[in-house]
Amino acid sequence: NENLDEQAKEPIKVETIEITIINEEDLPDKLIIHDLKELMKDEIN
């Protein structure tokens, strides 16, 4: 609780990014899906 009080005083920071493609089945290949997610993550990293 003391640690949480100290952490509450600190601003919340972005730790990770998760990207979900809703229509994955419409895309041609699973490798393309992975590459697209990586490109988007690199864009907003």
All heavy atoms as atom14 arrays in JSON, in Angstrom:
{
  "sequence": "NENLDEQAKEPIKVETIEITIINEEDLPDKLIIHDLKELMKDEIN",
  "atom14_mask": [
    [1, 1, 1, 1, 1, 1, 1, 1, 0, 0, 0, 0, 0, 0],
    [1, 1, 1, 1, 1, 1, 1, 1, 1, 0, 0, 0, 0, 0],
    [1, 1, 1, 1, 1, 1, 1, 1, 0, 0, 0, 0, 0, 0],
    [1, 1, 1, 1, 1, 1, 1, 1, 0, 0, 0, 0, 0, 0],
    [1, 1, 1, 1, 1, 1, 1, 1, 0, 0, 0, 0, 0, 0],
    [1, 1, 1, 1, 1, 1, 1, 1, 1, 0, 0, 0, 0, 0],
    [1, 1, 1, 1, 1, 1, 1, 1, 1, 0, 0, 0, 0, 0],
    [1, 1, 1, 1, 1, 0, 0, 0, 0, 0, 0, 0, 0, 0],
    [1, 1, 1, 1, 1, 1, 1, 1, 1, 0, 0, 0, 0, 0],
    [1, 1, 1, 1, 1, 1, 1, 1, 1, 0, 0, 0, 0, 0],
    [1, 1, 1, 1, 1, 1, 1, 0, 0, 0, 0, 0, 0, 0],
    [1, 1, 1, 1, 1, 1, 1, 1, 0, 0, 0, 0, 0, 0],
    [1, 1, 1, 1, 1, 1, 1, 1, 1, 0, 0, 0, 0, 0],
    [1, 1, 1, 1, 1, 1, 1, 0, 0, 0, 0, 0, 0, 0],
    [1, 1, 1, 1, 1, 1, 1, 1, 1, 0, 0, 0, 0, 0],
    [1, 1, 1, 1, 1, 1, 1, 0, 0, 0, 0, 0, 0, 0],
    [1, 1, 1, 1, 1, 1, 1, 1, 0, 0, 0, 0, 0, 0],
    [1, 1, 1, 1, 1, 1, 1, 1, 1, 0, 0, 0, 0, 0],
    [1, 1, 1, 1, 1, 1, 1, 1, 0, 0, 0, 0, 0, 0],
    [1, 1, 1, 1, 1, 1, 1, 0, 0, 0, 0, 0, 0, 0],
    [1, 1, 1, 1, 1, 1, 1, 1, 0, 0, 0, 0, 0, 0],
    [1, 1, 1, 1, 1, 1, 1, 1, 0, 0, 0, 0, 0, 0],
    [1, 1, 1, 1, 1, 1, 1, 1, 0, 0, 0, 0, 0, 0],
    [1, 1, 1, 1, 1, 1, 1, 1, 1, 0, 0, 0, 0, 0],
    [1, 1, 1, 1, 1, 1, 1, 1, 1, 0, 0, 0, 0, 0],
    [1, 1, 1, 1, 1, 1, 1, 1, 0, 0, 0, 0, 0, 0],
    [1, 1, 1, 1, 1, 1, 1, 1, 0, 0, 0, 0, 0, 0],
    [1, 1, 1, 1, 1, 1, 1, 0, 0, 0, 0, 0, 0, 0],
    [1, 1, 1, 1, 1, 1, 1, 1, 0, 0, 0, 0, 0, 0],
    [1, 1, 1, 1, 1, 1, 1, 1, 1, 0, 0, 0, 0, 0],
    [1, 1, 1, 1, 1, 1, 1, 1, 0, 0, 0, 0, 0, 0],
    [1, 1, 1, 1, 1, 1, 1, 1, 0, 0, 0, 0, 0, 0],
    [1, 1, 1, 1, 1, 1, 1, 1, 0, 0, 0, 0, 0, 0],
    [1, 1, 1, 1, 1, 1, 1, 1, 1, 1, 0, 0, 0, 0],
    [1, 1, 1, 1, 1, 1, 1, 1, 0, 0, 0, 0, 0, 0],
    [1, 1, 1, 1, 1, 1, 1, 1, 0, 0, 0, 0, 0, 0],
    [1, 1, 1, 1, 1, 1, 1, 1, 1, 0, 0, 0, 0, 0],
    [1, 1, 1, 1, 1, 1, 1, 1, 1, 0, 0, 0, 0, 0],
    [1, 1, 1, 1, 1, 1, 1, 1, 0, 0, 0, 0, 0, 0],
    [1, 1, 1, 1, 1, 1, 1, 1, 0, 0, 0, 0, 0, 0],
    [1, 1, 1, 1, 1, 1, 1, 1, 1, 0, 0, 0, 0, 0],
    [1, 1, 1, 1, 1, 1, 1, 1, 0, 0, 0, 0, 0, 0],
    [1, 1, 1, 1, 1, 1, 1, 1, 1, 0, 0, 0, 0, 0],
    [1, 1, 1, 1, 1, 1, 1, 1, 0, 0, 0, 0, 0, 0],
    [1, 1, 1, 1, 1, 1, 1, 1, 0, 0, 0, 0, 0, 0]
  ],
  "atom14_positions": [
    [[0.83, -1.2, 0.0], [0.0, 0.0, 0.0], [0.87, 1.26, 0.0], [0.56, 2.23, -0.7], [-0.93, 0.0, 1.22], [-1.98, 1.07, 1.15], [-2.27, 1.6, 0.08], [-2.56, 1.4, 2.28], [0.0, 0.0, 0.0], [0.0, 0.0, 0.0], [0.0, 0.0, 0.0], [0.0, 0.0, 0.0], [0.0, 0.0, 0.0], [0.0, 0.0, 0.0]],
    [[1.96, 1.24, 0.77], [2.87, 2.37, 0.77], [3.51, 2.54, -0.6], [3.65, 3.67, -1.09], [3.95, 2.18, 1.83], [3.44, 2.28, 3.25], [4.49, 1.91, 4.27], [5.65, 1.63, 3.88], [4.16, 1.9, 5.46], [0.0, 0.0, 0.0], [0.0, 0.0, 0.0], [0.0, 0.0, 0.0], [0.0, 0.0, 0.0], [0.0, 0.0, 0.0]],
    [[3.89, 1.41, -1.23], [4.47, 1.49, -2.58], [3.45, 2.04, -3.57], [3.8, 2.81, -4.46], [4.97, 0.13, -3.03], [6.19, -0.33, -2.25], [6.88, 0.47, -1.65], [6.43, -1.62, -2.26], [0.0, 0.0, 0.0], [0.0, 0.0, 0.0], [0.0, 0.0, 0.0], [0.0, 0.0, 0.0], [0.0, 0.0, 0.0], [0.0, 0.0, 0.0]],
    [[2.19, 1.61, -3.43], [1.15, 2.1, -4.34], [0.92, 3.6, -4.12], [0.67, 4.33, -5.08], [-0.15, 1.32, -4.14], [-0.17, -0.08, -4.71], [-1.48, -0.77, -4.35], [0.03, -0.07, -6.21], [0.0, 0.0, 0.0], [0.0, 0.0, 0.0], [0.0, 0.0, 0.0], [0.0, 0.0, 0.0], [0.0, 0.0, 0.0], [0.0, 0.0, 0.0]],
    [[1.0, 4.04, -2.87], [0.85, 5.47, -2.61], [1.96, 6.25, -3.29], [1.73, 7.32, -3.87], [0.85, 5.75, -1.11], [-0.42, 5.31, -0.43], [-1.42, 5.1, -1.14], [-0.41, 5.17, 0.82], [0.0, 0.0, 0.0], [0.0, 0.0, 0.0], [0.0, 0.0, 0.0], [0.0, 0.0, 0.0], [0.0, 0.0, 0.0], [0.0, 0.0, 0.0]],
    [[3.18, 5.72, -3.21], [4.31, 6.38, -3.87], [4.14, 6.35, -5.38], [4.44, 7.33, -6.07], [5.62, 5.71, -3.48], [5.99, 5.91, -2.02], [7.19, 5.09, -1.6], [7.82, 4.47, -2.49], [7.48, 5.06, -0.41], [0.0, 0.0, 0.0], [0.0, 0.0, 0.0], [0.0, 0.0, 0.0], [0.0, 0.0, 0.0], [0.0, 0.0, 0.0]],
    [[3.65, 5.22, -5.91], [3.48, 5.12, -7.36], [2.32, 5.99, -7.83], [2.32, 6.45, -8.97], [3.22, 3.67, -7.77], [4.43, 2.78, -7.65], [4.11, 1.34, -8.0], [2.96, 0.99, -8.24], [5.13, 0.5, -8.02], [0.0, 0.0, 0.0], [0.0, 0.0, 0.0], [0.0, 0.0, 0.0], [0.0, 0.0, 0.0], [0.0, 0.0, 0.0]],
    [[1.32, 6.19, -6.96], [0.18, 7.02, -7.35], [0.61, 8.46, -7.54], [0.0, 9.2, -8.33], [-0.93, 6.93, -6.31], [0.0, 0.0, 0.0], [0.0, 0.0, 0.0], [0.0, 0.0, 0.0], [0.0, 0.0, 0.0], [0.0, 0.0, 0.0], [0.0, 0.0, 0.0], [0.0, 0.0, 0.0], [0.0, 0.0, 0.0], [0.0, 0.0, 0.0]],
    [[1.64, 8.86, -6.84], [2.14, 10.22, -6.99], [2.88, 10.4, -8.31], [2.95, 11.49, -8.84], [3.05, 10.57, -5.82], [2.31, 10.62, -4.5], [3.26, 10.84, -3.35], [2.49, 10.75, -2.03], [3.37, 10.82, -0.87], [0.0, 0.0, 0.0], [0.0, 0.0, 0.0], [0.0, 0.0, 0.0], [0.0, 0.0, 0.0], [0.0, 0.0, 0.0]],
    [[3.44, 9.3, -8.82], [4.15, 9.37, -10.09], [3.13, 9.27, -11.23], [2.12, 8.59, -11.12], [5.14, 8.2, -10.21], [6.23, 8.22, -9.18], [7.13, 7.0, -9.27], [6.94, 6.19, -10.2], [7.99, 6.86, -8.4], [0.0, 0.0, 0.0], [0.0, 0.0, 0.0], [0.0, 0.0, 0.0], [0.0, 0.0, 0.0], [0.0, 0.0, 0.0]],
    [[3.39, 9.92, -12.36], [2.45, 9.82, -13.48], [2.52, 8.43, -14.12], [3.55, 7.77, -14.11], [2.95, 10.9, -14.46], [4.39, 11.1, -14.11], [4.5, 10.83, -12.64], [0.0, 0.0, 0.0], [0.0, 0.0, 0.0], [0.0, 0.0, 0.0], [0.0, 0.0, 0.0], [0.0, 0.0, 0.0], [0.0, 0.0, 0.0], [0.0, 0.0, 0.0]],
    [[1.39, 8.0, -14.64], [1.31, 6.69, -15.31], [1.94, 6.81, -16.68], [1.67, 7.74, -17.43], [-0.15, 6.23, -15.42], [-0.76, 6.11, -14.02], [-0.24, 4.91, -16.15], [-2.25, 5.83, -14.04], [0.0, 0.0, 0.0], [0.0, 0.0, 0.0], [0.0, 0.0, 0.0], [0.0, 0.0, 0.0], [0.0, 0.0, 0.0], [0.0, 0.0, 0.0]],
    [[2.77, 5.86, -17.01], [3.48, 5.89, -18.29], [3.03, 4.73, -19.16], [2.58, 3.71, -18.68], [4.99, 5.79, -18.04], [5.52, 6.9, -17.15], [6.92, 7.26, -17.5], [7.46, 8.34, -16.61], [7.03, 9.65, -16.94], [0.0, 0.0, 0.0], [0.0, 0.0, 0.0], [0.0, 0.0, 0.0], [0.0, 0.0, 0.0], [0.0, 0.0, 0.0]],
    [[3.17, 4.91, -20.47], [2.86, 3.86, -21.43], [3.99, 2.84, -21.4], [5.16, 3.19, -21.51], [2.69, 4.45, -22.85], [2.46, 3.34, -23.85], [1.54, 5.43, -22.88], [0.0, 0.0, 0.0], [0.0, 0.0, 0.0], [0.0, 0.0, 0.0], [0.0, 0.0, 0.0], [0.0, 0.0, 0.0], [0.0, 0.0, 0.0], [0.0, 0.0, 0.0]],
    [[3.63, 1.56, -21.2], [4.64, 0.52, -21.1], [4.74, -0.32, -22.39], [5.84, -0.59, -22.85], [4.32, -0.4, -19.92], [4.39, 0.32, -18.6], [3.87, -0.51, -17.45], [3.45, -1.67, -17.68], [3.87, 0.0, -16.32], [0.0, 0.0, 0.0], [0.0, 0.0, 0.0], [0.0, 0.0, 0.0], [0.0, 0.0, 0.0], [0.0, 0.0, 0.0]],
    [[3.62, -0.74, -22.93], [3.64, -1.57, -24.13], [2.5, -1.17, -25.06], [1.59, -0.44, -24.66], [3.47, -3.07, -23.78], [2.24, -3.25, -23.09], [4.62, -3.59, -22.96], [0.0, 0.0, 0.0], [0.0, 0.0, 0.0], [0.0, 0.0, 0.0], [0.0, 0.0, 0.0], [0.0, 0.0, 0.0], [0.0, 0.0, 0.0], [0.0, 0.0, 0.0]],
    [[2.59, -1.7, -26.27], [1.56, -1.45, -27.28], [1.08, -2.8, -27.8], [1.9, -3.65, -28.17], [2.13, -0.62, -28.46], [2.64, 0.73, -27.96], [1.08, -0.45, -29.55], [3.42, 1.5, -29.01], [0.0, 0.0, 0.0], [0.0, 0.0, 0.0], [0.0, 0.0, 0.0], [0.0, 0.0, 0.0], [0.0, 0.0, 0.0], [0.0, 0.0, 0.0]],
    [[-0.23, -3.0, -27.8], [-0.82, -4.21, -28.38], [-1.73, -3.8, -29.53], [-2.6, -2.94, -29.36], [-1.65, -4.96, -27.33], [-0.85, -5.66, -26.28], [-1.72, -6.44, -25.32], [-2.92, -6.65, -25.61], [-1.2, -6.82, -24.27], [0.0, 0.0, 0.0], [0.0, 0.0, 0.0], [0.0, 0.0, 0.0], [0.0, 0.0, 0.0], [0.0, 0.0, 0.0]],
    [[-1.5, -4.43, -30.68], [-2.31, -4.11, -31.86], [-3.06, -5.36, -32.27], [-2.49, -6.44, -32.38], [-1.42, -3.6, -33.0], [-0.76, -2.28, -32.57], [-2.24, -3.41, -34.27], [0.18, -1.71, -33.58], [0.0, 0.0, 0.0], [0.0, 0.0, 0.0], [0.0, 0.0, 0.0], [0.0, 0.0, 0.0], [0.0, 0.0, 0.0], [0.0, 0.0, 0.0]],
    [[-4.37, -5.19, -32.5], [-5.22, -6.29, -32.93], [-5.85, -5.9, -34.26], [-6.46, -4.83, -34.37], [-6.33, -6.55, -31.91], [-5.74, -6.75, -30.63], [-7.15, -7.78, -32.29], [0.0, 0.0, 0.0], [0.0, 0.0, 0.0], [0.0, 0.0, 0.0], [0.0, 0.0, 0.0], [0.0, 0.0, 0.0], [0.0, 0.0, 0.0], [0.0, 0.0, 0.0]],
    [[-5.71, -6.77, -35.24], [-6.35, -6.54, -36.54], [-7.66, -7.31, -36.53], [-7.66, -8.55, -36.37], [-5.44, -6.98, -37.69], [-4.14, -6.15, -37.65], [-6.15, -6.8, -39.02], [-3.11, -6.56, -38.67], [0.0, 0.0, 0.0], [0.0, 0.0, 0.0], [0.0, 0.0, 0.0], [0.0, 0.0, 0.0], [0.0, 0.0, 0.0], [0.0, 0.0, 0.0]],
    [[-8.76, -6.61, -36.68], [-10.09, -7.22, -36.55], [-10.35, -8.23, -37.67], [-10.85, -9.32, -37.43], [-11.18, -6.14, -36.54], [-11.01, -5.27, -35.29], [-12.57, -6.75, -36.57], [-11.9, -4.06, -35.26], [0.0, 0.0, 0.0], [0.0, 0.0, 0.0], [0.0, 0.0, 0.0], [0.0, 0.0, 0.0], [0.0, 0.0, 0.0], [0.0, 0.0, 0.0]],
    [[-10.0, -7.86, -38.89], [-10.33, -8.73, -40.03], [-9.07, -9.46, -40.54], [-8.73, -9.37, -41.7], [-10.97, -7.91, -41.14], [-10.11, -6.75, -41.59], [-9.17, -6.37, -40.91], [-10.43, -6.2, -42.75], [0.0, 0.0, 0.0], [0.0, 0.0, 0.0], [0.0, 0.0, 0.0], [0.0, 0.0, 0.0], [0.0, 0.0, 0.0], [0.0, 0.0, 0.0]],
    [[-8.45, -10.22, -39.66], [-7.24, -10.95, -40.04], [-7.52, -12.01, -41.12], [-6.66, -12.29, -41.95], [-6.64, -11.65, -38.82], [-5.98, -10.74, -37.84], [-5.35, -11.49, -36.67], [-5.56, -12.72, -36.57], [-4.67, -10.84, -35.87], [0.0, 0.0, 0.0], [0.0, 0.0, 0.0], [0.0, 0.0, 0.0], [0.0, 0.0, 0.0], [0.0, 0.0, 0.0]],
    [[-8.7, -12.58, -41.1], [-9.02, -13.64, -42.06], [-9.12, -13.1, -43.5], [-8.99, -13.87, -44.45], [-10.3, -14.37, -41.67], [-11.55, -13.51, -41.65], [-11.75, -12.77, -40.33], [-11.02, -13.02, -39.36], [-12.64, -11.91, -40.3], [0.0, 0.0, 0.0], [0.0, 0.0, 0.0], [0.0, 0.0, 0.0], [0.0, 0.0, 0.0], [0.0, 0.0, 0.0]],
    [[-9.33, -11.81, -43.68], [-9.42, -11.22, -45.02], [-8.04, -10.93, -45.61], [-7.93, -10.67, -46.81], [-10.22, -9.91, -44.98], [-11.67, -10.15, -44.6], [-12.12, -11.31, -44.7], [-12.34, -9.18, -44.19], [0.0, 0.0, 0.0], [0.0, 0.0, 0.0], [0.0, 0.0, 0.0], [0.0, 0.0, 0.0], [0.0, 0.0, 0.0], [0.0, 0.0, 0.0]],
    [[-7.0, -10.98, -44.78], [-5.65, -10.68, -45.27], [-5.04, -11.95, -45.86], [-5.35, -13.07, -45.46], [-4.79, -10.14, -44.13], [-5.32, -8.82, -43.52], [-4.45, -8.4, -42.38], [-5.39, -7.73, -44.57], [0.0, 0.0, 0.0], [0.0, 0.0, 0.0], [0.0, 0.0, 0.0], [0.0, 0.0, 0.0], [0.0, 0.0, 0.0], [0.0, 0.0, 0.0]],
    [[-4.12, -11.78, -46.84], [-3.63, -12.93, -47.59], [-2.77, -13.92, -46.8], [-2.79, -15.11, -47.09], [-2.8, -12.31, -48.72], [-2.78, -10.85, -48.51], [-3.66, -10.52, -47.38], [0.0, 0.0, 0.0], [0.0, 0.0, 0.0], [0.0, 0.0, 0.0], [0.0, 0.0, 0.0], [0.0, 0.0, 0.0], [0.0, 0.0, 0.0], [0.0, 0.0, 0.0]],
    [[-2.01, -13.47, -45.8], [-1.03, -14.38, -45.19], [-0.83, -14.01, -43.73], [-0.91, -12.84, -43.35], [0.3, -14.27, -45.97], [1.28, -15.35, -45.59], [0.91, -16.26, -44.85], [2.44, -15.25, -46.05], [0.0, 0.0, 0.0], [0.0, 0.0, 0.0], [0.0, 0.0, 0.0], [0.0, 0.0, 0.0], [0.0, 0.0, 0.0], [0.0, 0.0, 0.0]],
    [[-0.54, -15.01, -42.9], [-0.26, -14.77, -41.47], [1.03, -13.98, -41.27], [1.14, -13.19, -40.34], [-0.16, -16.1, -40.71], [-1.43, -16.91, -40.72], [-2.4, -16.34, -39.73], [-3.63, -17.23, -39.67], [-4.74, -16.62, -39.02], [0.0, 0.0, 0.0], [0.0, 0.0, 0.0], [0.0, 0.0, 0.0], [0.0, 0.0, 0.0], [0.0, 0.0, 0.0]],
    [[2.0, -14.2, -42.13], [3.26, -13.46, -42.02], [3.05, -11.98, -42.3], [3.69, -11.13, -41.69], [4.31, -14.05, -42.97], [4.77, -15.48, -42.66], [5.7, -15.98, -43.73], [5.43, -15.53, -41.3], [0.0, 0.0, 0.0], [0.0, 0.0, 0.0], [0.0, 0.0, 0.0], [0.0, 0.0, 0.0], [0.0, 0.0, 0.0], [0.0, 0.0, 0.0]],
    [[2.16, -11.7, -43.22], [1.85, -10.3, -43.53], [1.2, -9.64, -42.32], [1.51, -8.49, -42.01], [0.94, -10.22, -44.78], [1.74, -10.63, -46.01], [0.35, -8.83, -44.94], [0.94, -10.67, -47.28], [0.0, 0.0, 0.0], [0.0, 0.0, 0.0], [0.0, 0.0, 0.0], [0.0, 0.0, 0.0], [0.0, 0.0, 0.0], [0.0, 0.0, 0.0]],
    [[0.36, -10.38, -41.62], [-0.3, -9.84, -40.43], [0.75, -9.46, -39.39], [0.71, -8.37, -38.81], [-1.3, -10.86, -39.86], [-2.44, -11.08, -40.85], [-1.83, -10.42, -38.51], [-3.34, -12.25, -40.51], [0.0, 0.0, 0.0], [0.0, 0.0, 0.0], [0.0, 0.0, 0.0], [0.0, 0.0, 0.0], [0.0, 0.0, 0.0], [0.0, 0.0, 0.0]],
    [[1.67, -10.35, -39.17], [2.74, -10.08, -38.19], [3.56, -8.86, -38.62], [3.88, -7.99, -37.8], [3.62, -11.31, -38.04], [4.71, -11.13, -37.05], [5.95, -10.67, -37.4], [4.74, -11.33, -35.71], [6.7, -10.6, -36.33], [6.01, -11.01, -35.28], [0.0, 0.0, 0.0], [0.0, 0.0, 0.0], [0.0, 0.0, 0.0], [0.0, 0.0, 0.0]],
    [[3.92, -8.79, -39.9], [4.71, -7.66, -40.4], [3.95, -6.34, -40.28], [4.53, -5.31, -39.94], [5.13, -7.9, -41.84], [6.16, -9.02, -41.97], [6.79, -9.35, -40.94], [6.32, -9.55, -43.09], [0.0, 0.0, 0.0], [0.0, 0.0, 0.0], [0.0, 0.0, 0.0], [0.0, 0.0, 0.0], [0.0, 0.0, 0.0], [0.0, 0.0, 0.0]],
    [[2.64, -6.38, -40.55], [1.83, -5.16, -40.44], [1.77, -4.67, -38.99], [1.88, -3.47, -38.73], [0.41, -5.42, -40.96], [0.28, -5.52, -42.48], [-1.12, -5.97, -42.85], [0.6, -4.19, -43.12], [0.0, 0.0, 0.0], [0.0, 0.0, 0.0], [0.0, 0.0, 0.0], [0.0, 0.0, 0.0], [0.0, 0.0, 0.0], [0.0, 0.0, 0.0]],
    [[1.62, -5.6, -38.07], [1.59, -5.22, -36.66], [2.92, -4.59, -36.25], [2.96, -3.59, -35.54], [1.29, -6.43, -35.77], [-0.14, -6.89, -35.84], [-0.37, -8.08, -34.93], [-1.8, -8.59, -35.0], [-2.01, -9.76, -34.13], [0.0, 0.0, 0.0], [0.0, 0.0, 0.0], [0.0, 0.0, 0.0], [0.0, 0.0, 0.0], [0.0, 0.0, 0.0]],
    [[4.01, -5.17, -36.73], [5.33, -4.62, -36.4], [5.53, -3.24, -37.01], [6.09, -2.35, -36.38], [6.43, -5.58, -36.87], [6.52, -6.86, -36.06], [6.77, -6.61, -34.59], [7.63, -5.76, -34.26], [6.1, -7.25, -33.77], [0.0, 0.0, 0.0], [0.0, 0.0, 0.0], [0.0, 0.0, 0.0], [0.0, 0.0, 0.0], [0.0, 0.0, 0.0]],
    [[5.07, -3.05, -38.25], [5.2, -1.73, -38.89], [4.39, -0.67, -38.14], [4.85, 0.46, -37.96], [4.76, -1.81, -40.36], [5.73, -2.49, -41.32], [5.1, -2.63, -42.7], [7.02, -1.7, -41.41], [0.0, 0.0, 0.0], [0.0, 0.0, 0.0], [0.0, 0.0, 0.0], [0.0, 0.0, 0.0], [0.0, 0.0, 0.0], [0.0, 0.0, 0.0]],
    [[3.18, -1.05, -37.7], [2.37, -0.1, -36.94], [3.02, 0.22, -35.6], [3.01, 1.37, -35.16], [0.96, -0.65, -36.74], [0.06, -0.45, -37.93], [-1.64, -0.85, -37.57], [-1.58, -2.62, -37.7], [0.0, 0.0, 0.0], [0.0, 0.0, 0.0], [0.0, 0.0, 0.0], [0.0, 0.0, 0.0], [0.0, 0.0, 0.0], [0.0, 0.0, 0.0]],
    [[3.56, -0.78, -34.95], [4.24, -0.55, -33.67], [5.44, 0.36, -33.86], [5.7, 1.25, -33.05], [4.68, -1.88, -33.04], [3.56, -2.65, -32.38], [4.08, -3.91, -31.73], [2.95, -4.73, -31.17], [3.44, -5.99, -30.56], [0.0, 0.0, 0.0], [0.0, 0.0, 0.0], [0.0, 0.0, 0.0], [0.0, 0.0, 0.0], [0.0, 0.0, 0.0]],
    [[6.19, 0.15, -34.96], [7.34, 1.01, -35.23], [6.89, 2.45, -35.49], [7.6, 3.4, -35.14], [8.13, 0.49, -36.44], [8.89, -0.79, -36.13], [9.1, -1.08, -34.93], [9.26, -1.5, -37.08], [0.0, 0.0, 0.0], [0.0, 0.0, 0.0], [0.0, 0.0, 0.0], [0.0, 0.0, 0.0], [0.0, 0.0, 0.0], [0.0, 0.0, 0.0]],
    [[5.73, 2.61, -36.1], [5.22, 3.95, -36.41], [4.85, 4.73, -35.14], [5.04, 5.94, -35.08], [4.01, 3.83, -37.34], [3.52, 5.11, -37.91], [4.51, 5.75, -38.88], [5.28, 5.02, -39.54], [4.5, 6.99, -38.97], [0.0, 0.0, 0.0], [0.0, 0.0, 0.0], [0.0, 0.0, 0.0], [0.0, 0.0, 0.0], [0.0, 0.0, 0.0]],
    [[4.31, 4.02, -34.13], [3.87, 4.72, -32.93], [4.72, 4.35, -31.7], [4.31, 4.6, -30.56], [2.38, 4.44, -32.65], [2.13, 2.94, -32.47], [1.52, 5.02, -33.73], [0.73, 2.62, -32.03], [0.0, 0.0, 0.0], [0.0, 0.0, 0.0], [0.0, 0.0, 0.0], [0.0, 0.0, 0.0], [0.0, 0.0, 0.0], [0.0, 0.0, 0.0]],
    [[5.87, 3.81, -31.93], [6.76, 3.37, -30.85], [7.23, 4.53, -29.98], [7.64, 4.31, -28.84], [7.96, 2.63, -31.45], [8.64, 1.76, -30.43], [8.05, 1.36, -29.44], [9.9, 1.46, -30.68], [0.0, 0.0, 0.0], [0.0, 0.0, 0.0], [0.0, 0.0, 0.0], [0.0, 0.0, 0.0], [0.0, 0.0, 0.0], [0.0, 0.0, 0.0]]
  ]
}
